[in-house]
């Protein structure tokens, strides 16, 4: 089905899902109030993913992980953290991890909070048990959240480079990059222009989209580490699904991992 996009809706979604999604690495000491934390607990409780743990006292977590997690082993200090304990280790489990982590991120941002992902899967077991307790021994990701420190006056805004749409979206086969006219015809030009800014590990942008008739197929280049890039693909699956839903297209991804087109085919979305 081919429909026209509502520019106002797309612009609103751009703000909600990506412009406000920028990771924050410098948080103030201000804690969220009890009403906000109650809302966070409700978000966790109502999530389809049951393996979230809220750590209200962020100082304990930050101190315990200093030198062992964060950016270049410099821990991101925040007033609160949410941990995700990943039980499975299959490719589909990794996709779901990215999908549900980003869903939680979106809900936190809607509460007026800022967030940052932290990978902790390389933290040794003894430290994990000491910091998180027995129930958090298998935590692989943290979401740091709170309120950002004000940027210094005249600090330049940084924006990572992203591949143009023509390098990530194709029509019929991977020899035919999608043109703006192609994407306008399918009513997804603004959506595809937007989600290329989705957060991803080391800005590798491992995803590739292939339009075949009325379906969108998601692929991943296999030259990257699947433990990280499949999580990234789960993230972009979430954004694409939510943006399409807002346009009235309420389909969901059908996950089926298989080798195809010299890449790993991940899922299909009926448009």
Protein backbone atom coordinates (compact mmCIF):
# COMPACT_ATOMS: atom_id res chain seq x y z
CA UNK A 1 0.00 0.00 0.00
CA UNK A 2 1.34 3.38 -0.98
CA UNK A 3 0.22 6.42 1.00
CA UNK A 4 1.30 10.03 1.36
CA UNK A 5 3.16 11.04 4.49
CA UNK A 6 1.89 13.65 6.90
CA UNK A 7 4.84 16.00 7.29
CA UNK A 8 3.59 17.30 10.64
CA UNK A 9 3.41 13.79 12.06
CA UNK A 10 6.84 12.89 10.75
CA UNK A 11 8.37 16.07 12.17
CA UNK A 12 6.80 15.34 15.56
CA UNK A 13 8.18 11.81 15.51
CA UNK A 14 11.58 13.06 14.49
CA UNK A 15 11.63 15.17 17.63
CA UNK A 16 10.33 12.43 19.91
CA UNK A 17 12.40 9.54 18.65
CA UNK A 18 15.73 10.88 17.47
CA UNK A 19 16.47 14.52 18.19
CA UNK A 20 15.73 13.96 21.86
CA UNK A 21 17.42 10.57 21.76
CA UNK A 22 20.94 11.97 21.79
CA UNK A 23 22.93 10.26 24.52
CA UNK A 24 23.93 12.32 27.54
CA UNK A 25 27.25 11.56 29.22
CA UNK A 26 27.23 14.33 31.82
CA UNK A 27 24.39 14.23 34.32
CA UNK A 28 23.67 16.53 37.24
CA UNK A 29 23.44 15.13 40.77
CA UNK A 30 19.71 15.86 40.81
CA UNK A 31 17.64 12.75 41.47
CA UNK A 32 14.29 12.15 39.87
CA UNK A 33 11.44 12.79 42.31
CA UNK A 34 9.41 9.93 43.75
CA UNK A 35 6.50 10.48 41.35
CA UNK A 36 8.83 10.21 38.34
CA UNK A 37 10.53 7.11 39.74
CA UNK A 38 7.11 5.55 40.29
CA UNK A 39 6.40 6.14 36.60
CA UNK A 40 9.72 4.53 35.69
CA UNK A 41 8.82 1.51 37.82
CA UNK A 42 5.48 1.30 36.04
CA UNK A 43 7.20 1.41 32.64
CA UNK A 44 9.46 -1.47 33.69
CA UNK A 45 6.59 -3.46 35.15
CA UNK A 46 4.49 -3.10 32.00
CA UNK A 47 7.32 -3.91 29.60
CA UNK A 48 7.15 -7.09 27.52
CA UNK A 49 10.75 -7.69 28.57
CA UNK A 50 10.77 -8.86 32.20
CA UNK A 51 14.48 -8.67 32.95
CA UNK A 52 14.81 -5.01 33.96
CA UNK A 53 16.12 -3.91 37.35
CA UNK A 54 15.93 -0.31 38.61
CA UNK A 55 18.87 0.96 40.65
CA UNK A 56 17.75 4.14 42.37
CA UNK A 57 21.08 4.91 44.07
CA UNK A 58 23.30 5.55 41.10
CA UNK A 59 26.36 6.52 43.14
CA UNK A 60 26.85 2.92 44.26
CA UNK A 61 26.66 1.61 40.70
CA UNK A 62 28.98 4.29 39.28
CA UNK A 63 31.60 3.78 41.98
CA UNK A 64 31.57 0.01 41.62
CA UNK A 65 32.02 0.13 37.83
CA UNK A 66 34.59 2.91 37.62
CA UNK A 67 37.46 1.80 35.40
CA UNK A 68 35.50 -1.25 34.20
CA UNK A 69 32.65 0.17 32.11
CA UNK A 70 31.62 3.33 30.31
CA UNK A 71 33.33 5.21 27.51
CA UNK A 72 37.03 4.29 27.42
CA UNK A 73 36.43 2.77 30.86
CA UNK A 74 35.33 6.13 32.25
CA UNK A 75 32.04 5.39 33.93
CA UNK A 76 29.01 7.53 33.08
CA UNK A 77 27.90 8.84 36.47
CA UNK A 78 24.12 9.23 36.75
CA UNK A 79 21.65 9.44 39.65
CA UNK A 80 19.81 6.29 38.47
CA UNK A 81 20.29 3.24 36.26
CA UNK A 82 18.15 0.53 34.73
CA UNK A 83 19.86 -2.81 34.17
CA UNK A 84 18.85 -5.37 31.56
CA UNK A 85 19.70 -8.96 32.31
CA UNK A 86 19.89 -10.90 29.05
CA UNK A 87 19.00 -14.55 29.57
CA UNK A 88 19.46 -15.83 26.03
CA UNK A 89 22.38 -15.55 23.65
CA UNK A 90 20.75 -16.32 20.30
CA UNK A 91 20.68 -13.87 17.40
CA UNK A 92 16.97 -13.29 18.00
CA UNK A 93 17.65 -12.56 21.68
CA UNK A 94 20.11 -9.84 20.65
CA UNK A 95 17.56 -8.28 18.31
CA UNK A 96 14.99 -8.21 21.09
CA UNK A 97 17.53 -6.67 23.46
CA UNK A 98 18.02 -3.66 21.18
CA UNK A 99 14.31 -3.36 20.45
CA UNK A 100 13.20 -3.33 24.08
CA UNK A 101 16.09 -1.24 25.40
CA UNK A 102 15.25 1.49 22.91
CA UNK A 103 11.57 1.21 23.78
CA UNK A 104 12.42 1.87 27.44
CA UNK A 105 14.66 4.76 26.38
CA UNK A 106 11.80 6.33 24.50
CA UNK A 107 9.51 6.10 27.52
CA UNK A 108 12.14 7.71 29.76
CA UNK A 109 12.62 10.58 27.30
CA UNK A 110 8.86 11.14 27.29
CA UNK A 111 9.12 11.70 31.06
CA UNK A 112 11.58 14.54 30.45
CA UNK A 113 14.62 12.46 31.38
CA UNK A 114 17.91 12.11 29.50
CA UNK A 115 19.56 8.75 28.97
CA UNK A 116 22.70 6.92 27.94
CA UNK A 117 23.33 3.25 27.14
CA UNK A 118 26.28 1.57 28.84
CA UNK A 119 27.55 -1.87 27.85
CA UNK A 120 28.65 -3.95 30.83
CA UNK A 121 28.82 -7.43 29.33
CA UNK A 122 32.62 -7.45 29.69
CA UNK A 123 32.56 -6.71 33.42
CA UNK A 124 33.87 -9.68 35.39
CA UNK A 125 31.42 -11.84 37.33
CA UNK A 126 32.80 -10.91 40.75
CA UNK A 127 32.36 -7.20 40.08
CA UNK A 128 28.88 -7.73 38.62
CA UNK A 129 27.73 -9.62 41.70
CA UNK A 130 29.31 -7.06 44.01
CA UNK A 131 27.70 -4.10 42.24
CA UNK A 132 24.37 -5.51 41.11
CA UNK A 133 23.75 -8.31 43.59
CA UNK A 134 22.98 -11.92 42.78
CA UNK A 135 19.88 -11.04 40.75
CA UNK A 136 21.90 -8.74 38.54
CA UNK A 137 24.79 -11.08 37.85
CA UNK A 138 23.90 -11.40 34.17
CA UNK A 139 23.26 -7.73 33.39
CA UNK A 140 24.70 -6.84 29.99
CA UNK A 141 23.38 -3.29 29.52
CA UNK A 142 22.62 -0.30 31.69
CA UNK A 143 20.52 2.74 30.89
CA UNK A 144 21.87 5.70 32.84
CA UNK A 145 19.18 8.32 33.34
CA UNK A 146 18.61 11.64 35.01
CA UNK A 147 18.97 15.29 34.05
CA UNK A 148 21.75 16.65 31.81
CA UNK A 149 24.30 19.23 32.81
CA UNK A 150 23.95 22.46 30.89
CA UNK A 151 26.21 22.74 27.87
CA UNK A 152 28.89 25.38 28.13
CA UNK A 153 28.21 28.52 26.16
CA UNK A 154 29.53 28.25 22.61
CA UNK A 155 30.25 24.53 22.96
CA UNK A 156 29.84 23.14 19.45
CA UNK A 157 27.16 20.53 18.93
CA UNK A 158 28.56 17.27 17.67
CA UNK A 159 26.82 15.15 15.08
CA UNK A 160 28.21 11.86 13.84
CA UNK A 161 28.35 11.37 10.11
CA UNK A 162 25.68 9.12 8.66
CA UNK A 163 25.49 7.32 5.34
CA UNK A 164 23.09 8.88 2.83
CA UNK A 165 19.79 7.09 2.29
CA UNK A 166 21.01 5.86 -1.11
CA UNK A 167 23.67 3.76 0.66
CA UNK A 168 21.31 2.02 3.07
CA UNK A 169 18.02 1.65 1.16
CA UNK A 170 17.62 -0.26 -2.10
CA UNK A 171 14.79 -1.28 -4.42
CA UNK A 172 14.32 -4.82 -5.82
CA UNK A 173 18.00 -5.75 -5.34
CA UNK A 174 21.19 -4.28 -3.94
CA UNK A 175 22.30 -3.03 -7.33
CA UNK A 176 19.58 -0.37 -7.31
CA UNK A 177 19.91 2.31 -4.60
CA UNK A 178 16.60 3.91 -3.69
CA UNK A 179 16.02 7.39 -5.05
CA UNK A 180 14.05 10.12 -3.30
CA UNK A 181 11.31 9.56 -5.88
CA UNK A 182 11.18 5.83 -5.03
CA UNK A 183 10.78 6.53 -1.34
CA UNK A 184 8.21 9.26 -1.89
CA UNK A 185 6.19 6.81 -3.95
CA UNK A 186 6.12 4.43 -0.99
CA UNK A 187 5.45 7.32 1.40
CA UNK A 188 8.58 6.69 3.49
CA UNK A 189 11.13 9.29 2.37
CA UNK A 190 11.10 11.22 5.64
CA UNK A 191 11.04 8.04 7.70
CA UNK A 192 14.11 6.59 6.00
CA UNK A 193 15.90 9.94 6.14
CA UNK A 194 15.19 10.06 9.87
CA UNK A 195 16.04 6.58 11.12
CA UNK A 196 19.50 6.58 9.59
CA UNK A 197 20.40 8.70 12.64
CA UNK A 198 19.45 5.89 15.02
CA UNK A 199 22.14 5.23 17.64
CA UNK A 200 24.48 2.33 16.91
CA UNK A 201 27.74 0.86 18.12
CA UNK A 202 30.80 2.77 16.86
CA UNK A 203 28.54 4.41 14.26
CA UNK A 204 29.02 1.37 12.00
CA UNK A 205 25.48 1.63 10.55
CA UNK A 206 25.40 -2.10 9.74
CA UNK A 207 21.80 -2.16 8.50
CA UNK A 208 20.58 -2.29 4.91
CA UNK A 209 16.97 -2.05 3.72
CA UNK A 210 15.58 -3.67 0.60
CA UNK A 211 12.15 -2.75 -0.77
CA UNK A 212 10.44 -5.55 -2.68
CA UNK A 213 6.96 -4.66 -3.93
CA UNK A 214 4.96 -3.96 -0.75
CA UNK A 215 7.51 -5.27 1.75
CA UNK A 216 10.59 -3.86 3.47
CA UNK A 217 13.35 -6.36 4.19
CA UNK A 218 16.06 -5.67 6.77
CA UNK A 219 19.59 -6.99 6.27
CA UNK A 220 22.84 -6.73 8.21
CA UNK A 221 26.33 -6.71 6.80
CA UNK A 222 28.11 -9.69 8.33
CA UNK A 223 31.58 -8.20 8.49
CA UNK A 224 30.75 -6.80 11.92
CA UNK A 225 30.54 -8.41 15.37
CA UNK A 226 27.02 -9.81 15.63
CA UNK A 227 26.88 -9.45 19.42
CA UNK A 228 26.80 -5.67 18.99
CA UNK A 229 25.35 -5.12 15.52
CA UNK A 230 22.29 -7.33 16.01
CA UNK A 231 21.42 -5.22 19.04
CA UNK A 232 21.74 -2.16 16.78
CA UNK A 233 19.44 -3.77 14.24
CA UNK A 234 16.89 -4.32 17.01
CA UNK A 235 17.08 -0.59 17.72
CA UNK A 236 16.36 0.43 14.15
CA UNK A 237 13.57 -2.15 13.91
CA UNK A 238 11.89 -0.42 16.85
CA UNK A 239 12.16 3.05 15.29
CA UNK A 240 10.95 1.93 11.88
CA UNK A 241 7.98 0.11 13.40
CA UNK A 242 6.98 3.05 15.59
CA UNK A 243 7.29 5.59 12.80
CA UNK A 244 5.26 3.43 10.44
CA UNK A 245 2.66 2.90 13.16
CA UNK A 246 2.25 6.65 13.52
CA UNK A 247 1.59 6.81 9.79
CA UNK A 248 -1.27 4.34 10.22
CA UNK A 249 0.65 1.27 9.08
CA UNK A 250 0.37 -1.08 12.02
CA UNK A 251 2.32 -4.04 10.74
CA UNK A 252 5.17 -5.56 12.77
CA UNK A 253 8.46 -7.14 11.80
CA UNK A 254 8.42 -10.83 10.96
CA UNK A 255 11.80 -12.09 12.15
CA UNK A 256 13.45 -14.83 10.15
CA UNK A 257 17.24 -14.92 10.12
CA UNK A 258 18.82 -16.43 7.04
CA UNK A 259 21.69 -15.95 4.62
CA UNK A 260 20.61 -14.00 1.54
CA UNK A 261 22.05 -11.50 -0.91
CA UNK A 262 25.52 -12.01 0.61
CA UNK A 263 24.29 -10.68 3.95
CA UNK A 264 22.28 -11.78 6.95
CA UNK A 265 18.58 -11.24 6.27
CA UNK A 266 16.90 -10.40 9.54
CA UNK A 267 13.23 -9.57 9.15
CA UNK A 268 10.43 -8.48 6.81
CA UNK A 269 7.91 -5.68 7.33
CA UNK A 270 4.76 -5.67 5.17
CA UNK A 271 4.02 -2.10 4.11
